[in-house]
C-alpha atoms as a PDB file:
ATOM      1  CA  MET A   1       7.487  58.059 129.068  1.00  0.00           C
ATOM      2  CA  PRO A   2       9.251  58.945 125.766  1.00  0.00           C
ATOM      3  CA  LEU A   3      10.451  62.514 125.408  1.00  0.00           C
ATOM      4  CA  ASN A   4       9.410  64.466 122.324  1.00  0.00           C
ATOM      5  CA  GLU A   5      11.733  66.884 120.574  1.00  0.00           C
ATOM      6  CA  HIS A   6      10.732  70.466 121.301  1.00  0.00           C
ATOM      7  CA  VAL A   7      11.080  73.142 118.629  1.00  0.00           C
ATOM      8  CA  PRO A   8      11.112  76.576 120.290  1.00  0.00           C
ATOM      9  CA  ILE A   9       8.538  79.103 119.087  1.00  0.00           C
ATOM     10  CA  ARG A  10       9.507  82.740 119.472  1.00  0.00           C
ATOM     11  CA  ARG A  11       6.901  84.474 121.580  1.00  0.00           C
ATOM     12  CA  GLU A  12       6.795  86.976 124.396  1.00  0.00           C
ATOM     13  CA  LEU A  13       5.715  86.122 127.942  1.00  0.00           C
ATOM     14  CA  MET A  14       5.506  89.437 129.772  1.00  0.00           C
ATOM     15  CA  LEU A  15       4.058  90.739 132.993  1.00  0.00           C
ATOM     16  CA  LEU A  16       3.408  94.483 133.304  1.00  0.00           C
ATOM     17  CA  TYR A  17       2.484  96.030 136.630  1.00  0.00           C
ATOM     18  CA  GLY A  18       2.134  99.365 138.375  1.00  0.00           C
ATOM     19  CA  VAL A  19      -0.346 101.576 140.189  1.00  0.00           C
ATOM     20  CA  ALA A  20      -3.560 102.676 138.497  1.00  0.00           C
ATOM     21  CA  GLY A  21      -3.192 105.328 135.828  1.00  0.00           C
ATOM     22  CA  VAL A  22       0.482 104.854 134.870  1.00  0.00           C
ATOM     23  CA  GLY A  23      -0.247 103.615 131.351  1.00  0.00           C
ATOM     24  CA  LYS A  24      -0.086  99.825 131.691  1.00  0.00           C
ATOM     25  CA  THR A  25      -2.970  99.228 129.297  1.00  0.00           C
ATOM     26  CA  ARG A  26      -1.694 101.696 126.722  1.00  0.00           C
ATOM     27  CA  LEU A  27       1.771 100.130 126.834  1.00  0.00           C
ATOM     28  CA  ALA A  28       0.333  96.615 126.496  1.00  0.00           C
ATOM     29  CA  THR A  29      -1.764  97.533 123.435  1.00  0.00           C
ATOM     30  CA  SER A  30       0.590  99.894 121.540  1.00  0.00           C
ATOM     31  CA  LEU A  31       2.466  97.060 119.894  1.00  0.00           C
ATOM     32  CA  PRO A  32       4.492  96.661 116.671  1.00  0.00           C
ATOM     33  CA  GLU A  33       2.959  94.722 113.781  1.00  0.00           C
ATOM     34  CA  ARG A  34       4.772  91.499 114.658  1.00  0.00           C
ATOM     35  CA  PHE A  35       2.440  91.131 117.662  1.00  0.00           C
ATOM     36  CA  GLY A  36      -0.492  90.809 115.260  1.00  0.00           C
ATOM     37  CA  ASP A  37      -4.078  91.265 116.361  1.00  0.00           C
ATOM     38  CA  ILE A  38      -4.766  91.402 120.092  1.00  0.00           C
ATOM     39  CA  LEU A  39      -7.324  89.469 122.116  1.00  0.00           C
ATOM     40  CA  TYR A  40      -7.978  91.703 125.098  1.00  0.00           C
ATOM     41  CA  VAL A  41      -9.518  90.095 128.189  1.00  0.00           C
ATOM     42  CA  ALA A  42     -11.199  92.975 130.019  1.00  0.00           C
ATOM     43  CA  VAL A  43     -11.386  91.884 133.654  1.00  0.00           C
ATOM     44  CA  ASP A  44     -11.214  95.290 135.360  1.00  0.00           C
ATOM     45  CA  GLU A  45     -14.412  97.279 135.622  1.00  0.00           C
ATOM     46  CA  GLY A  46     -14.793  99.531 132.563  1.00  0.00           C
ATOM     47  CA  SER A  47     -11.665  98.231 130.866  1.00  0.00           C
ATOM     48  CA  GLU A  48     -13.775  96.911 127.995  1.00  0.00           C
ATOM     49  CA  ASN A  49     -14.265 100.522 126.854  1.00  0.00           C
ATOM     50  CA  LEU A  50     -10.548 100.772 125.936  1.00  0.00           C
ATOM     51  CA  ASP A  51     -10.515 104.351 127.211  1.00  0.00           C
ATOM     52  CA  SER A  52      -6.725 104.489 127.544  1.00  0.00           C
ATOM     53  CA  VAL A  53      -5.983 102.703 124.256  1.00  0.00           C
ATOM     54  CA  LEU A  54      -4.790 104.891 121.395  1.00  0.00           C
ATOM     55  CA  GLU A  55      -7.286 105.117 118.532  1.00  0.00           C
ATOM     56  CA  LYS A  56      -4.799 103.884 115.928  1.00  0.00           C
ATOM     57  CA  TYR A  57      -4.523 100.484 117.649  1.00  0.00           C
ATOM     58  CA  ARG A  58      -8.198  99.818 118.385  1.00  0.00           C
ATOM     59  CA  SER A  59      -9.013  98.219 115.045  1.00  0.00           C
ATOM     60  CA  ARG A  60      -6.652  95.315 115.774  1.00  0.00           C
ATOM     61  CA  ILE A  61      -8.159  94.588 119.224  1.00  0.00           C
ATOM     62  CA  THR A  62     -10.925  92.071 119.935  1.00  0.00           C
ATOM     63  CA  VAL A  63     -12.415  92.504 123.421  1.00  0.00           C
ATOM     64  CA  ILE A  64     -13.895  89.718 125.523  1.00  0.00           C
ATOM     65  CA  LYS A  65     -15.530  90.476 128.878  1.00  0.00           C
ATOM     66  CA  PRO A  66     -15.879  87.665 131.453  1.00  0.00           C
ATOM     67  CA  ASN A  67     -19.145  88.000 133.373  1.00  0.00           C
ATOM     68  CA  MET A  68     -17.483  86.848 136.619  1.00  0.00           C
ATOM     69  CA  GLN A  69     -20.588  85.111 137.933  1.00  0.00           C
ATOM     70  CA  ASN A  70     -18.254  82.180 138.531  1.00  0.00           C
ATOM     71  CA  PRO A  71     -14.638  83.380 138.234  1.00  0.00           C
ATOM     72  CA  LEU A  72     -13.347  79.806 138.579  1.00  0.00           C
ATOM     73  CA  VAL A  73     -15.132  78.867 135.364  1.00  0.00           C
ATOM     74  CA  ASP A  74     -14.082  82.113 133.681  1.00  0.00           C
ATOM     75  CA  ALA A  75     -10.433  81.574 134.625  1.00  0.00           C
ATOM     76  CA  GLY A  76     -10.527  78.043 133.238  1.00  0.00           C
ATOM     77  CA  GLU A  77     -12.037  79.190 129.941  1.00  0.00           C
ATOM     78  CA  ILE A  78      -9.523  82.033 129.563  1.00  0.00           C
ATOM     79  CA  ALA A  79      -6.599  79.687 130.160  1.00  0.00           C
ATOM     80  CA  THR A  80      -7.667  76.690 128.068  1.00  0.00           C
ATOM     81  CA  THR A  81      -9.741  77.975 125.143  1.00  0.00           C
ATOM     82  CA  ASP A  82      -7.877  77.592 121.844  1.00  0.00           C
ATOM     83  CA  TRP A  83      -7.847  81.320 121.094  1.00  0.00           C
ATOM     84  CA  ALA A  84      -5.490  80.971 118.126  1.00  0.00           C
ATOM     85  CA  LYS A  85      -8.020  78.665 116.453  1.00  0.00           C
ATOM     86  CA  LYS A  86     -11.009  80.802 117.374  1.00  0.00           C
ATOM     87  CA  TYR A  87      -9.346  84.038 116.220  1.00  0.00           C
ATOM     88  CA  PRO A  88      -6.781  83.121 113.512  1.00  0.00           C
ATOM     89  CA  LYS A  89      -5.434  86.689 113.190  1.00  0.00           C
ATOM     90  CA  VAL A  90      -4.743  86.989 116.910  1.00  0.00           C
ATOM     91  CA  LYS A  91      -1.113  86.651 117.920  1.00  0.00           C
ATOM     92  CA  THR A  92      -1.224  88.327 121.337  1.00  0.00           C
ATOM     93  CA  LEU A  93      -3.353  87.742 124.435  1.00  0.00           C
ATOM     94  CA  VAL A  94      -3.627  90.593 126.960  1.00  0.00           C
ATOM     95  CA  ILE A  95      -5.232  90.085 130.398  1.00  0.00           C
ATOM     96  CA  ASP A  96      -6.219  93.303 132.196  1.00  0.00           C
ATOM     97  CA  THR A  97      -5.907  92.769 135.103  1.00  0.00           C
ATOM     98  CA  PHE A  98      -4.880  89.501 136.687  1.00  0.00           C
ATOM     99  CA  THR A  99      -5.046  91.270 140.057  1.00  0.00           C
ATOM    100  CA  ASN A 100      -8.799  91.695 139.705  1.00  0.00           C
ATOM    101  CA  LEU A 101      -9.240  88.114 138.530  1.00  0.00           C
ATOM    102  CA  SER A 102      -7.280  86.808 141.529  1.00  0.00           C
ATOM    103  CA  TRP A 103      -9.355  88.755 144.031  1.00  0.00           C
ATOM    104  CA  ARG A 104     -12.588  87.702 142.341  1.00  0.00           C
ATOM    105  CA  VAL A 105     -11.489  84.084 142.750  1.00  0.00           C
ATOM    106  CA  LEU A 106     -10.660  84.648 146.433  1.00  0.00           C
ATOM    107  CA  ASN A 107     -14.015  86.324 147.110  1.00  0.00           C
ATOM    108  CA  PHE A 108     -15.919  83.569 145.296  1.00  0.00           C
ATOM    109  CA  ILE A 109     -14.137  80.779 147.173  1.00  0.00           C
ATOM    110  CA  THR A 110     -14.775  82.593 150.469  1.00  0.00           C
ATOM    111  CA  GLU A 111     -18.444  83.425 149.890  1.00  0.00           C
ATOM    112  CA  LYS A 112     -19.286  79.928 148.650  1.00  0.00           C
ATOM    113  CA  GLY A 113     -17.384  78.247 151.481  1.00  0.00           C
ATOM    114  CA  LEU A 114     -15.443  76.105 149.012  1.00  0.00           C
ATOM    115  CA  ALA A 115     -12.318  75.855 151.154  1.00  0.00           C
ATOM    116  CA  GLN A 116     -13.815  76.039 154.643  1.00  0.00           C
ATOM    117  CA  ALA A 117     -17.317  76.291 155.997  1.00  0.00           C
ATOM    118  CA  ASN A 118     -16.987  78.708 158.907  1.00  0.00           C
ATOM    119  CA  HIS A 119     -15.797  82.284 158.475  1.00  0.00           C
ATOM    120  CA  LYS A 120     -15.676  85.455 160.417  1.00  0.00           C
ATOM    121  CA  SER A 121     -17.947  88.004 158.820  1.00  0.00           C
ATOM    122  CA  ILE A 122     -19.074  91.608 158.832  1.00  0.00           C
ATOM    123  CA  GLY A 123     -22.477  93.133 158.187  1.00  0.00           C
ATOM    124  CA  VAL A 124     -25.971  91.761 158.633  1.00  0.00           C
ATOM    125  CA  PRO A 125     -26.667  88.243 157.276  1.00  0.00           C
ATOM    126  CA  GLY A 126     -29.124  88.258 154.398  1.00  0.00           C
ATOM    127  CA  THR A 127     -28.374  91.844 153.407  1.00  0.00           C
ATOM    128  CA  SER A 128     -26.002  93.421 150.882  1.00  0.00           C
ATOM    129  CA  SER A 129     -23.799  94.587 153.768  1.00  0.00           C
ATOM    130  CA  PHE A 130     -22.899  91.009 154.732  1.00  0.00           C
ATOM    131  CA  ALA A 131     -19.534  89.622 153.705  1.00  0.00           C
ATOM    132  CA  SER A 132     -17.489  86.618 154.794  1.00  0.00           C
ATOM    133  CA  LEU A 133     -13.843  87.343 155.578  1.00  0.00           C
ATOM    134  CA  PRO A 134     -11.244  85.115 153.893  1.00  0.00           C
ATOM    135  CA  ASP A 135      -9.124  82.905 156.125  1.00  0.00           C
ATOM    136  CA  LYS A 136      -6.001  80.815 155.628  1.00  0.00           C
ATOM    137  CA  GLY A 137      -7.807  78.031 153.818  1.00  0.00           C
ATOM    138  CA  ASP A 138      -9.372  80.457 151.340  1.00  0.00           C
ATOM    139  CA  PHE A 139      -5.991  81.998 150.547  1.00  0.00           C
ATOM    140  CA  GLY A 140      -4.462  78.548 150.113  1.00  0.00           C
ATOM    141  CA  ALA A 141      -7.185  77.476 147.703  1.00  0.00           C
ATOM    142  CA  THR A 142      -6.832  80.699 145.732  1.00  0.00           C
ATOM    143  CA  HIS A 143      -3.074  80.180 145.480  1.00  0.00           C
ATOM    144  CA  GLY A 144      -3.783  76.778 143.934  1.00  0.00           C
ATOM    145  CA  VAL A 145      -6.142  78.341 141.390  1.00  0.00           C
ATOM    146  CA  ILE A 146      -3.573  81.030 140.540  1.00  0.00           C
ATOM    147  CA  ARG A 147      -0.819  78.484 140.003  1.00  0.00           C
ATOM    148  CA  ASN A 148      -3.066  76.334 137.839  1.00  0.00           C
ATOM    149  CA  PHE A 149      -4.287  79.316 135.816  1.00  0.00           C
ATOM    150  CA  ILE A 150      -0.829  80.685 134.979  1.00  0.00           C
ATOM    151  CA  THR A 151       0.557  77.208 134.233  1.00  0.00           C
ATOM    152  CA  GLN A 152      -2.377  76.299 131.992  1.00  0.00           C
ATOM    153  CA  LEU A 153      -2.417  79.705 130.287  1.00  0.00           C
ATOM    154  CA  ILE A 154       1.195  79.425 129.190  1.00  0.00           C
ATOM    155  CA  ALA A 155       0.916  75.740 128.252  1.00  0.00           C
ATOM    156  CA  GLN A 156      -2.433  75.918 126.422  1.00  0.00           C
ATOM    157  CA  GLN A 157      -1.592  79.030 124.346  1.00  0.00           C
ATOM    158  CA  PRO A 158       1.753  77.866 122.898  1.00  0.00           C
ATOM    159  CA  THR A 159       1.755  80.136 119.841  1.00  0.00           C
ATOM    160  CA  LEU A 160       0.473  83.363 121.397  1.00  0.00           C
ATOM    161  CA  ASN A 161       2.357  86.229 122.948  1.00  0.00           C
ATOM    162  CA  ILE A 162       0.982  86.639 126.464  1.00  0.00           C
ATOM    163  CA  ILE A 163       0.948  89.977 128.270  1.00  0.00           C
ATOM    164  CA  VAL A 164      -0.532  89.925 131.773  1.00  0.00           C
ATOM    165  CA  LEU A 165      -1.277  93.186 133.583  1.00  0.00           C
ATOM    166  CA  CYS A 166      -1.372  93.607 137.358  1.00  0.00           C
ATOM    167  CA  HIS A 167      -1.706  96.390 139.860  1.00  0.00           C
ATOM    168  CA  GLU A 168       1.160  96.659 142.311  1.00  0.00           C
ATOM    169  CA  ASP A 169       1.491  95.981 146.027  1.00  0.00           C
ATOM    170  CA  VAL A 170       4.155  95.919 148.709  1.00  0.00           C
ATOM    171  CA  VAL A 171       4.256  93.562 151.690  1.00  0.00           C
ATOM    172  CA  THR A 172       6.510  93.386 154.720  1.00  0.00           C
ATOM    173  CA  ASP A 173       7.410  90.290 156.698  1.00  0.00           C
ATOM    174  CA  ASP A 174       9.535  90.297 159.854  1.00  0.00           C
ATOM    175  CA  ALA A 175      11.486  87.276 158.664  1.00  0.00           C
ATOM    176  CA  THR A 176      12.137  88.142 155.006  1.00  0.00           C
ATOM    177  CA  GLY A 177      11.716  91.905 154.902  1.00  0.00           C
ATOM    178  CA  THR A 178       9.897  94.052 152.347  1.00  0.00           C
ATOM    179  CA  ILE A 179       9.096  93.083 148.791  1.00  0.00           C
ATOM    180  CA  GLY A 180       7.171  94.923 146.090  1.00  0.00           C
ATOM    181  CA  GLY A 181       5.670  93.414 142.990  1.00  0.00           C
ATOM    182  CA  PRO A 182       2.511  92.508 141.095  1.00  0.00           C
ATOM    183  CA  ALA A 183      -0.565  92.355 143.293  1.00  0.00           C
ATOM    184  CA  THR A 184      -2.366  89.024 143.286  1.00  0.00           C
ATOM    185  CA  VAL A 185      -3.350  87.295 146.526  1.00  0.00           C
ATOM    186  CA  GLY A 186      -0.735  86.964 149.249  1.00  0.00           C
ATOM    187  CA  ARG A 187       3.020  87.368 149.501  1.00  0.00           C
ATOM    188  CA  ALA A 188       3.899  83.965 148.064  1.00  0.00           C
ATOM    189  CA  MET A 189       2.187  84.725 144.755  1.00  0.00           C
ATOM    190  CA  MET A 190       4.001  88.059 144.500  1.00  0.00           C
ATOM    191  CA  THR A 191       7.210  86.163 143.726  1.00  0.00           C
ATOM    192  CA  TRP A 192       5.767  82.966 142.190  1.00  0.00           C
ATOM    193  CA  VAL A 193       3.757  84.664 139.428  1.00  0.00           C
ATOM    194  CA  PRO A 194       6.512  86.886 137.956  1.00  0.00           C
ATOM    195  CA  ALA A 195       8.897  83.914 137.958  1.00  0.00           C
ATOM    196  CA  ARG A 196       6.706  82.389 135.229  1.00  0.00           C
ATOM    197  CA  PHE A 197       7.335  85.256 132.799  1.00  0.00           C
ATOM    198  CA  GLY A 198      10.422  86.059 130.769  1.00  0.00           C
ATOM    199  CA  SER A 199      10.122  89.799 131.316  1.00  0.00           C
ATOM    200  CA  VAL A 200       8.606  91.674 134.247  1.00  0.00           C
ATOM    201  CA  ILE A 201       8.092  95.385 133.616  1.00  0.00           C
ATOM    202  CA  ARG A 202       7.162  97.855 136.325  1.00  0.00           C
ATOM    203  CA  VAL A 203       5.612 101.086 135.029  1.00  0.00           C
ATOM    204  CA  THR A 204       6.208 104.126 137.234  1.00  0.00           C
ATOM    205  CA  THR A 205       5.999 107.901 137.021  1.00  0.00           C
ATOM    206  CA  LYS A 206       8.808 110.442 136.828  1.00  0.00           C
ATOM    207  CA  VAL A 207       8.305 114.154 137.456  1.00  0.00           C
ATOM    208  CA  GLU A 208      10.473 116.447 135.318  1.00  0.00           C
ATOM    209  CA  ASN A 209      10.969 120.056 136.413  1.00  0.00           C
ATOM    210  CA  SER A 210      11.831 122.869 134.038  1.00  0.00           C
ATOM    211  CA  ILE A 211      12.124 126.632 134.385  1.00  0.00           C
ATOM    212  CA  GLU A 212      11.168 128.889 131.504  1.00  0.00           C
ATOM    213  CA  LYS A 213      11.190 132.681 131.897  1.00  0.00           C
ATOM    214  CA  GLY A 214      11.416 132.255 135.633  1.00  0.00           C
ATOM    215  CA  VAL A 215       8.352 130.028 135.829  1.00  0.00           C
ATOM    216  CA  LEU A 216       8.645 126.508 137.218  1.00  0.00           C
ATOM    217  CA  SER A 217       6.676 123.853 135.356  1.00  0.00           C
ATOM    218  CA  GLN A 218       6.345 120.160 136.018  1.00  0.00           C
ATOM    219  CA  LYS A 219       5.661 117.342 133.609  1.00  0.00           C
ATOM    220  CA  THR A 220       4.851 113.789 134.576  1.00  0.00           C
ATOM    221  CA  ARG A 221       6.440 111.137 132.395  1.00  0.00           C
ATOM    222  CA  TYR A 222       5.842 107.408 132.509  1.00  0.00           C
ATOM    223  CA  VAL A 223       8.778 105.014 132.752  1.00  0.00           C
ATOM    224  CA  ALA A 224       9.070 101.289 131.957  1.00  0.00           C
ATOM    225  CA  ASN A 225      11.538  99.731 134.401  1.00  0.00           C
ATOM    226  CA  THR A 226      13.187  96.405 133.580  1.00  0.00           C
ATOM    227  CA  VAL A 227      15.703  96.209 136.427  1.00  0.00           C
ATOM    228  CA  PRO A 228      15.017  95.790 140.164  1.00  0.00           C
ATOM    229  CA  GLN A 229      14.481  99.007 142.109  1.00  0.00           C
ATOM    230  CA  GLY A 230      15.189  98.311 145.738  1.00  0.00           C
ATOM    231  CA  ALA A 231      12.595  95.768 146.823  1.00  0.00           C
ATOM    232  CA  TRP A 232      10.601  96.049 143.587  1.00  0.00           C
ATOM    233  CA  ILE A 233      10.683  93.121 141.158  1.00  0.00           C
ATOM    234  CA  SER A 234      11.451  93.786 137.499  1.00  0.00           C
ATOM    235  CA  ARG A 235      13.662  92.269 134.812  1.00  0.00           C
ATOM    236  CA  ILE A 236      13.925  91.651 131.090  1.00  0.00           C
ATOM    237  CA  ASN A 237      14.684  88.414 129.293  1.00  0.00           C
ATOM    238  CA  GLU A 238      18.248  89.001 128.097  1.00  0.00           C
ATOM    239  CA  ASN A 239      19.234  86.622 125.322  1.00  0.00           C
ATOM    240  CA  ASN A 240      22.683  88.086 124.709  1.00  0.00           C
ATOM    241  CA  GLU A 241      25.950  88.771 126.526  1.00  0.00           C
ATOM    242  CA  LYS A 242      25.618  92.546 126.525  1.00  0.00           C
ATOM    243  CA  GLY A 243      23.441  92.849 129.591  1.00  0.00           C
ATOM    244  CA  ASN A 244      20.302  94.951 129.781  1.00  0.00           C
ATOM    245  CA  PRO A 245      20.601  98.005 127.491  1.00  0.00           C
ATOM    246  CA  MET A 246      17.210  99.451 128.474  1.00  0.00           C
ATOM    247  CA  PRO A 247      16.889  99.403 132.287  1.00  0.00           C
ATOM    248  CA  GLN A 248      14.587 102.438 132.252  1.00  0.00           C
ATOM    249  CA  THR A 249      12.709 103.698 129.217  1.00  0.00           C
ATOM    250  CA  VAL A 250      10.773 106.969 129.280  1.00  0.00           C
ATOM    251  CA  LEU A 251       7.550 106.271 127.403  1.00  0.00           C
ATOM    252  CA  ASP A 252       6.280 108.502 124.628  1.00  0.00           C
ATOM    253  CA  VAL A 253       2.590 109.362 124.408  1.00  0.00           C
ATOM    254  CA  ASN A 254       2.543 106.477 121.970  1.00  0.00           C
ATOM    255  CA  PRO A 255       4.638 103.985 123.966  1.00  0.00           C
ATOM    256  CA  ILE A 256       5.520 101.905 120.921  1.00  0.00           C
ATOM    257  CA  ASN A 257       8.958 103.494 121.427  1.00  0.00           C
ATOM    258  CA  PHE A 258       9.513 100.938 124.227  1.00  0.00           C
ATOM    259  CA  TRP A 259       8.681  97.988 121.957  1.00  0.00           C
ATOM    260  CA  ASN A 260      10.777  99.322 119.087  1.00  0.00           C
ATOM    261  CA  LEU A 261      13.731  99.633 121.451  1.00  0.00           C
ATOM    262  CA  TYR A 262      13.070  96.149 122.798  1.00  0.00           C
ATOM    263  CA  ASP A 263      12.984  94.682 119.288  1.00  0.00           C
ATOM    264  CA  ALA A 264      16.154  96.519 118.271  1.00  0.00           C
ATOM    265  CA  ASN A 265      18.025  95.066 121.246  1.00  0.00           C
ATOM    266  CA  PHE A 266      16.525  91.598 121.600  1.00  0.00           C
ATOM    267  CA  TYR A 267      14.090  90.414 118.963  1.00  0.00           C
ATOM    268  CA  LYS A 268      16.128  91.156 115.833  1.00  0.00           C
ATOM    269  CA  GLU A 269      19.190  89.534 117.355  1.00  0.00           C
ATOM    270  CA  ALA A 270      17.222  86.428 118.274  1.00  0.00           C
ATOM    271  CA  VAL A 271      15.850  86.145 114.721  1.00  0.00           C
ATOM    272  CA  ASN A 272      19.307  86.474 113.214  1.00  0.00           C
ATOM    273  CA  VAL A 273      20.643  83.744 115.441  1.00  0.00           C
ATOM    274  CA  THR A 274      18.054  81.260 114.191  1.00  0.00           C
ATOM    275  CA  GLU A 275      18.423  82.076 110.488  1.00  0.00           C
END
């Protein structure tokens, strides 16, 4: 097979994760102008309302809401639709959250018996309380879907910035110890998925104490972490020899301060190199 010359296209492949309520969605949608319009895939329940998105950014966001009647079909359409052609102004694709999509896929495969016919179950058959419990085969099939989805998403959207949001999880194994990272389905995916992205950002909280006139007050700040913290996965795509100049960034109410700092340290330098 002949090899074709590849001309690199500057785009961002980023994974953001953290517990609920730490500002992942706001961070992923408070972007500088170079990110263009945003196609926002609202997978989580209620995320289509953009409740945590700052008003000033809403006009540049187009929301699509998968119905999830068949998450395998939905995942395929999200990954392979030519979004840049369908929405010419869109330069960034945000998926919120991939955790929910992964679990919907697992539940669908389990309930439909697509990977194995017999399952343990709970509840009364024929009622809303009945549910099949996923087994090894269901997890294996879901892992295959996850791998295919991420691979196709990155390959089929070659001109778009891609920002994938996940909740976080921590798992412990007697053989390999404890690891924390983006929640998908199973330990193997916790390391495989972030390895596909140039930058992996964990959003956490930081409590700041202050005393004024003898009164103690506390303020919760949100922090974007781009270096590993113990067992937690995070990193940034360093394209220079200076190392990571922004291992932890305290986010403003408008977290565009993170992206401006990122561009000052990485994007501008990359543009200058290619000029």
